[in-house]
Amino acid sequence: MAFAAAMALMLPSTAALASPVEISPTRITRLAVQSDGLVFVKVEPSTPTGGTPASCATNSSWQLTFHATDAAGQAMLAAALSAKASGSQVGIVTAGTCTHFPFIEDARLIDILP
């Protein structure tokens, strides 16, 4: 939980960041990218190691989503693709909201672990 707490301090303060969830360590097992730049991510294991998932996060097929239409989203997509291709473990921090797609939690950070 210390990692998620540290990230919350580094990110802008908004209601969406009030309850970040950490999932770490985990592996990205599936990625999908829509034509509008919306990225879907499945991780295993998907059990939070810090925090409680947003009540809207009820989809069992995908755990995370984000847009890859800006520099931050493109960087997250590059990290996700790299981790998936190499089989590396990652740490995930979510936003505590489901604004990009109903029933799937928004990702805030993808950290490739050593």
N, C-alpha and C. Protein backbone atom coordinates (compact mmCIF):
# COMPACT_ATOMS: atom_id res chain seq x y z
N MET A 1 0.82 -1.19 0.00
CA MET A 1 0.00 0.00 0.00
C MET A 1 0.87 1.25 0.00
N ALA A 2 2.11 1.13 0.47
CA ALA A 2 3.00 2.29 0.51
C ALA A 2 3.22 2.86 -0.89
N PHE A 3 3.33 1.97 -1.88
CA PHE A 3 3.52 2.41 -3.26
C PHE A 3 2.33 3.25 -3.73
N ALA A 4 1.12 2.76 -3.49
CA ALA A 4 -0.09 3.49 -3.91
C ALA A 4 -0.19 4.81 -3.18
N ALA A 5 0.15 4.81 -1.89
CA ALA A 5 0.10 6.05 -1.12
C ALA A 5 1.10 7.06 -1.65
N ALA A 6 2.29 6.61 -2.01
CA ALA A 6 3.30 7.50 -2.57
C ALA A 6 2.84 8.07 -3.90
N MET A 7 2.22 7.24 -4.73
CA MET A 7 1.74 7.71 -6.03
C MET A 7 0.61 8.71 -5.84
N ALA A 8 -0.25 8.51 -4.86
CA ALA A 8 -1.35 9.45 -4.62
C ALA A 8 -0.81 10.82 -4.26
N LEU A 9 0.31 10.87 -3.55
CA LEU A 9 0.91 12.15 -3.20
C LEU A 9 1.53 12.84 -4.41
N MET A 10 1.98 12.06 -5.39
CA MET A 10 2.64 12.62 -6.57
C MET A 10 1.66 13.07 -7.64
N LEU A 11 0.43 12.55 -7.61
CA LEU A 11 -0.55 12.87 -8.62
C LEU A 11 -1.43 14.02 -8.16
N PRO A 12 -2.06 14.76 -9.10
CA PRO A 12 -2.94 15.86 -8.72
C PRO A 12 -4.05 15.38 -7.79
N SER A 13 -4.45 16.22 -6.88
CA SER A 13 -5.49 15.87 -5.92
C SER A 13 -6.86 16.09 -6.53
N THR A 14 -7.60 14.99 -6.74
CA THR A 14 -8.98 15.07 -7.21
C THR A 14 -9.76 13.97 -6.52
N ALA A 15 -11.06 14.02 -6.61
CA ALA A 15 -11.90 12.99 -6.00
C ALA A 15 -11.61 11.63 -6.59
N ALA A 16 -11.26 11.56 -7.89
CA ALA A 16 -10.99 10.28 -8.54
C ALA A 16 -9.78 9.60 -7.94
N LEU A 17 -8.88 10.37 -7.34
CA LEU A 17 -7.67 9.79 -6.77
C LEU A 17 -7.79 9.54 -5.27
N ALA A 18 -8.96 9.74 -4.72
CA ALA A 18 -9.13 9.60 -3.28
C ALA A 18 -8.92 8.17 -2.82
N SER A 19 -9.19 7.18 -3.66
CA SER A 19 -9.07 5.78 -3.27
C SER A 19 -8.32 4.97 -4.33
N PRO A 20 -7.04 5.24 -4.53
CA PRO A 20 -6.32 4.42 -5.50
C PRO A 20 -6.20 2.99 -5.01
N VAL A 21 -6.18 2.06 -5.93
CA VAL A 21 -6.03 0.64 -5.63
C VAL A 21 -4.71 0.18 -6.24
N GLU A 22 -3.97 -0.61 -5.49
CA GLU A 22 -2.72 -1.17 -6.00
C GLU A 22 -2.91 -2.66 -6.25
N ILE A 23 -2.41 -3.13 -7.40
CA ILE A 23 -2.37 -4.54 -7.73
C ILE A 23 -0.92 -4.83 -8.07
N SER A 24 -0.20 -5.50 -7.16
CA SER A 24 1.23 -5.72 -7.36
C SER A 24 1.73 -6.81 -6.43
N PRO A 25 2.56 -7.71 -6.92
CA PRO A 25 2.95 -7.88 -8.31
C PRO A 25 1.88 -8.65 -9.09
N THR A 26 1.83 -8.39 -10.37
CA THR A 26 0.89 -9.07 -11.25
C THR A 26 1.51 -9.13 -12.64
N ARG A 27 0.87 -9.83 -13.54
CA ARG A 27 1.33 -9.91 -14.94
C ARG A 27 0.18 -9.55 -15.87
N ILE A 28 0.51 -8.85 -16.93
CA ILE A 28 -0.48 -8.54 -17.96
C ILE A 28 -0.65 -9.77 -18.83
N THR A 29 -1.87 -10.31 -18.87
CA THR A 29 -2.12 -11.53 -19.62
C THR A 29 -2.85 -11.28 -20.94
N ARG A 30 -3.44 -10.09 -21.07
CA ARG A 30 -4.20 -9.79 -22.30
C ARG A 30 -4.31 -8.29 -22.47
N LEU A 31 -4.19 -7.83 -23.72
CA LEU A 31 -4.34 -6.41 -24.08
C LEU A 31 -5.23 -6.32 -25.31
N ALA A 32 -6.04 -5.29 -25.36
CA ALA A 32 -6.83 -4.99 -26.56
C ALA A 32 -6.86 -3.47 -26.72
N VAL A 33 -6.76 -3.01 -27.96
CA VAL A 33 -6.80 -1.57 -28.25
C VAL A 33 -7.87 -1.33 -29.30
N GLN A 34 -8.84 -0.48 -28.96
CA GLN A 34 -9.89 -0.11 -29.91
C GLN A 34 -9.37 0.96 -30.87
N SER A 35 -10.09 1.16 -31.96
CA SER A 35 -9.69 2.15 -32.96
C SER A 35 -9.72 3.58 -32.43
N ASP A 36 -10.46 3.84 -31.34
CA ASP A 36 -10.49 5.17 -30.75
C ASP A 36 -9.39 5.38 -29.71
N GLY A 37 -8.51 4.38 -29.54
CA GLY A 37 -7.39 4.49 -28.62
C GLY A 37 -7.67 3.99 -27.21
N LEU A 38 -8.86 3.45 -26.97
CA LEU A 38 -9.17 2.91 -25.66
C LEU A 38 -8.49 1.55 -25.49
N VAL A 39 -7.72 1.41 -24.41
CA VAL A 39 -6.94 0.20 -24.15
C VAL A 39 -7.59 -0.57 -23.01
N PHE A 40 -7.73 -1.88 -23.19
CA PHE A 40 -8.25 -2.78 -22.17
C PHE A 40 -7.12 -3.69 -21.71
N VAL A 41 -7.02 -3.91 -20.40
CA VAL A 41 -5.93 -4.70 -19.83
C VAL A 41 -6.50 -5.75 -18.88
N LYS A 42 -6.03 -6.99 -19.03
CA LYS A 42 -6.36 -8.07 -18.09
C LYS A 42 -5.07 -8.46 -17.38
N VAL A 43 -5.13 -8.60 -16.07
CA VAL A 43 -3.97 -9.00 -15.28
C VAL A 43 -4.30 -10.23 -14.45
N GLU A 44 -3.28 -11.01 -14.16
CA GLU A 44 -3.39 -12.17 -13.27
C GLU A 44 -2.16 -12.20 -12.38
N PRO A 45 -2.29 -12.29 -11.08
CA PRO A 45 -3.54 -12.25 -10.35
C PRO A 45 -4.10 -10.84 -10.33
N SER A 46 -5.40 -10.72 -10.11
CA SER A 46 -6.05 -9.41 -10.13
C SER A 46 -6.51 -8.97 -8.75
N THR A 47 -6.06 -9.66 -7.72
CA THR A 47 -6.44 -9.32 -6.35
C THR A 47 -5.70 -8.08 -5.89
N PRO A 48 -6.41 -7.06 -5.43
CA PRO A 48 -5.74 -5.85 -4.94
C PRO A 48 -4.83 -6.16 -3.75
N THR A 49 -3.66 -5.54 -3.74
CA THR A 49 -2.74 -5.66 -2.61
C THR A 49 -2.82 -4.44 -1.73
N GLY A 50 -3.59 -3.46 -2.13
CA GLY A 50 -3.82 -2.26 -1.34
C GLY A 50 -5.06 -1.56 -1.84
N GLY A 51 -5.98 -1.27 -0.95
CA GLY A 51 -7.19 -0.57 -1.33
C GLY A 51 -8.31 -1.52 -1.72
N THR A 52 -9.44 -0.94 -2.03
CA THR A 52 -10.63 -1.69 -2.44
C THR A 52 -11.04 -1.23 -3.82
N PRO A 53 -11.27 -2.17 -4.76
CA PRO A 53 -11.67 -1.76 -6.12
C PRO A 53 -12.92 -0.88 -6.10
N ALA A 54 -13.03 -0.02 -7.10
CA ALA A 54 -14.21 0.83 -7.24
C ALA A 54 -15.45 -0.05 -7.37
N SER A 55 -16.55 0.40 -6.80
CA SER A 55 -17.79 -0.38 -6.85
C SER A 55 -18.27 -0.59 -8.28
N CYS A 56 -17.85 0.27 -9.20
CA CYS A 56 -18.26 0.14 -10.60
C CYS A 56 -17.48 -0.96 -11.33
N ALA A 57 -16.37 -1.42 -10.77
CA ALA A 57 -15.47 -2.38 -11.43
C ALA A 57 -16.01 -3.80 -11.26
N THR A 58 -16.99 -4.16 -12.09
CA THR A 58 -17.65 -5.46 -11.97
C THR A 58 -17.39 -6.38 -13.16
N ASN A 59 -16.63 -5.94 -14.15
CA ASN A 59 -16.34 -6.75 -15.33
C ASN A 59 -15.28 -7.78 -14.99
N SER A 60 -15.53 -9.05 -15.27
CA SER A 60 -14.56 -10.10 -14.95
C SER A 60 -13.59 -10.39 -16.11
N SER A 61 -13.88 -9.87 -17.29
CA SER A 61 -13.00 -10.12 -18.44
C SER A 61 -11.81 -9.19 -18.49
N TRP A 62 -11.99 -7.95 -18.05
CA TRP A 62 -10.92 -6.94 -18.08
C TRP A 62 -10.88 -6.25 -16.72
N GLN A 63 -9.67 -5.92 -16.23
CA GLN A 63 -9.55 -5.23 -14.96
C GLN A 63 -9.30 -3.73 -15.11
N LEU A 64 -8.69 -3.30 -16.22
CA LEU A 64 -8.25 -1.92 -16.35
C LEU A 64 -8.52 -1.39 -17.74
N THR A 65 -8.65 -0.06 -17.81
CA THR A 65 -8.77 0.60 -19.10
C THR A 65 -8.15 1.99 -19.01
N PHE A 66 -7.65 2.46 -20.14
CA PHE A 66 -7.12 3.83 -20.25
C PHE A 66 -7.09 4.21 -21.72
N HIS A 67 -7.02 5.52 -21.98
CA HIS A 67 -6.93 6.01 -23.35
C HIS A 67 -5.47 6.21 -23.74
N ALA A 68 -5.09 5.75 -24.92
CA ALA A 68 -3.74 5.93 -25.43
C ALA A 68 -3.71 7.04 -26.47
N THR A 69 -4.53 8.07 -26.26
CA THR A 69 -4.66 9.15 -27.24
C THR A 69 -3.82 10.37 -26.89
N ASP A 70 -3.16 10.33 -25.73
CA ASP A 70 -2.27 11.43 -25.36
C ASP A 70 -0.92 10.84 -24.95
N ALA A 71 0.04 11.69 -24.64
CA ALA A 71 1.40 11.23 -24.33
C ALA A 71 1.42 10.29 -23.12
N ALA A 72 0.66 10.61 -22.09
CA ALA A 72 0.64 9.76 -20.90
C ALA A 72 0.06 8.38 -21.22
N GLY A 73 -1.03 8.34 -21.95
CA GLY A 73 -1.64 7.08 -22.34
C GLY A 73 -0.75 6.26 -23.26
N GLN A 74 -0.04 6.93 -24.15
CA GLN A 74 0.88 6.23 -25.04
C GLN A 74 2.04 5.64 -24.26
N ALA A 75 2.51 6.35 -23.23
CA ALA A 75 3.57 5.82 -22.38
C ALA A 75 3.08 4.61 -21.60
N MET A 76 1.85 4.67 -21.10
CA MET A 76 1.29 3.51 -20.39
C MET A 76 1.12 2.32 -21.34
N LEU A 77 0.69 2.59 -22.57
CA LEU A 77 0.54 1.51 -23.54
C LEU A 77 1.90 0.88 -23.86
N ALA A 78 2.93 1.71 -24.02
CA ALA A 78 4.27 1.18 -24.29
C ALA A 78 4.74 0.30 -23.14
N ALA A 79 4.50 0.74 -21.90
CA ALA A 79 4.88 -0.05 -20.73
C ALA A 79 4.11 -1.37 -20.70
N ALA A 80 2.80 -1.31 -20.98
CA ALA A 80 1.98 -2.51 -20.97
C ALA A 80 2.42 -3.50 -22.04
N LEU A 81 2.69 -3.00 -23.25
CA LEU A 81 3.15 -3.87 -24.33
C LEU A 81 4.50 -4.50 -24.01
N SER A 82 5.40 -3.71 -23.46
CA SER A 82 6.72 -4.22 -23.08
C SER A 82 6.61 -5.31 -22.02
N ALA A 83 5.80 -5.04 -21.00
CA ALA A 83 5.63 -6.02 -19.92
C ALA A 83 4.97 -7.30 -20.43
N LYS A 84 3.98 -7.15 -21.30
CA LYS A 84 3.29 -8.32 -21.87
C LYS A 84 4.25 -9.14 -22.71
N ALA A 85 5.02 -8.47 -23.57
CA ALA A 85 5.94 -9.18 -24.47
C ALA A 85 7.05 -9.90 -23.70
N SER A 86 7.53 -9.30 -22.63
CA SER A 86 8.64 -9.88 -21.87
C SER A 86 8.19 -10.80 -20.74
N GLY A 87 6.90 -10.75 -20.41
CA GLY A 87 6.40 -11.54 -19.29
C GLY A 87 6.78 -10.95 -17.94
N SER A 88 7.20 -9.70 -17.92
CA SER A 88 7.61 -9.04 -16.68
C SER A 88 6.44 -8.81 -15.75
N GLN A 89 6.73 -8.84 -14.45
CA GLN A 89 5.72 -8.48 -13.47
C GLN A 89 5.57 -6.96 -13.47
N VAL A 90 4.36 -6.52 -13.16
CA VAL A 90 4.07 -5.09 -13.09
C VAL A 90 3.36 -4.76 -11.78
N GLY A 91 3.41 -3.49 -11.45
CA GLY A 91 2.59 -2.93 -10.39
C GLY A 91 1.59 -2.00 -11.06
N ILE A 92 0.34 -2.07 -10.64
CA ILE A 92 -0.73 -1.26 -11.22
C ILE A 92 -1.31 -0.38 -10.12
N VAL A 93 -1.60 0.86 -10.44
CA VAL A 93 -2.38 1.73 -9.55
C VAL A 93 -3.57 2.21 -10.35
N THR A 94 -4.76 2.06 -9.77
CA THR A 94 -5.98 2.49 -10.44
C THR A 94 -6.45 3.83 -9.91
N ALA A 95 -7.45 4.38 -10.57
CA ALA A 95 -7.98 5.69 -10.20
C ALA A 95 -9.16 5.61 -9.24
N GLY A 96 -9.76 4.43 -9.11
CA GLY A 96 -10.95 4.33 -8.27
C GLY A 96 -12.22 4.75 -8.97
N THR A 97 -12.16 4.87 -10.30
CA THR A 97 -13.32 5.28 -11.11
C THR A 97 -13.42 4.39 -12.35
N CYS A 98 -14.55 4.49 -13.03
CA CYS A 98 -14.78 3.76 -14.28
C CYS A 98 -15.26 4.76 -15.33
N THR A 99 -14.46 5.77 -15.64
CA THR A 99 -14.90 6.83 -16.55
C THR A 99 -14.68 6.49 -18.02
N HIS A 100 -13.69 5.66 -18.33
CA HIS A 100 -13.40 5.35 -19.73
C HIS A 100 -14.36 4.32 -20.31
N PHE A 101 -14.78 3.37 -19.47
CA PHE A 101 -15.68 2.30 -19.92
C PHE A 101 -16.45 1.81 -18.70
N PRO A 102 -17.77 1.70 -18.81
CA PRO A 102 -18.55 1.24 -17.65
C PRO A 102 -18.09 -0.14 -17.19
N PHE A 103 -18.01 -0.34 -15.90
CA PHE A 103 -17.72 -1.62 -15.28
C PHE A 103 -16.25 -2.03 -15.31
N ILE A 104 -15.34 -1.17 -15.83
CA ILE A 104 -13.91 -1.47 -15.84
C ILE A 104 -13.17 -0.28 -15.26
N GLU A 105 -12.31 -0.54 -14.27
CA GLU A 105 -11.64 0.54 -13.55
C GLU A 105 -10.56 1.22 -14.39
N ASP A 106 -10.44 2.53 -14.21
CA ASP A 106 -9.43 3.32 -14.92
C ASP A 106 -8.05 3.09 -14.32
N ALA A 107 -7.05 2.91 -15.18
CA ALA A 107 -5.67 2.76 -14.74
C ALA A 107 -5.03 4.13 -14.60
N ARG A 108 -4.18 4.30 -13.60
CA ARG A 108 -3.42 5.54 -13.39
C ARG A 108 -1.93 5.32 -13.62
N LEU A 109 -1.45 4.09 -13.38
CA LEU A 109 -0.01 3.84 -13.45
C LEU A 109 0.23 2.38 -13.77
N ILE A 110 1.20 2.13 -14.64
CA ILE A 110 1.71 0.79 -14.89
C ILE A 110 3.22 0.86 -14.67
N ASP A 111 3.69 0.12 -13.68
CA ASP A 111 5.10 0.13 -13.29
C ASP A 111 5.70 -1.23 -13.60
N ILE A 112 6.69 -1.31 -14.49
CA ILE A 112 7.37 -2.57 -14.77
C ILE A 112 8.33 -2.82 -13.61
N LEU A 113 8.13 -3.95 -12.92
CA LEU A 113 8.91 -4.26 -11.73
C LEU A 113 10.25 -4.89 -12.10
N PRO A 114 11.27 -4.70 -11.24
CA PRO A 114 12.58 -5.30 -11.51
C PRO A 114 12.55 -6.81 -11.37
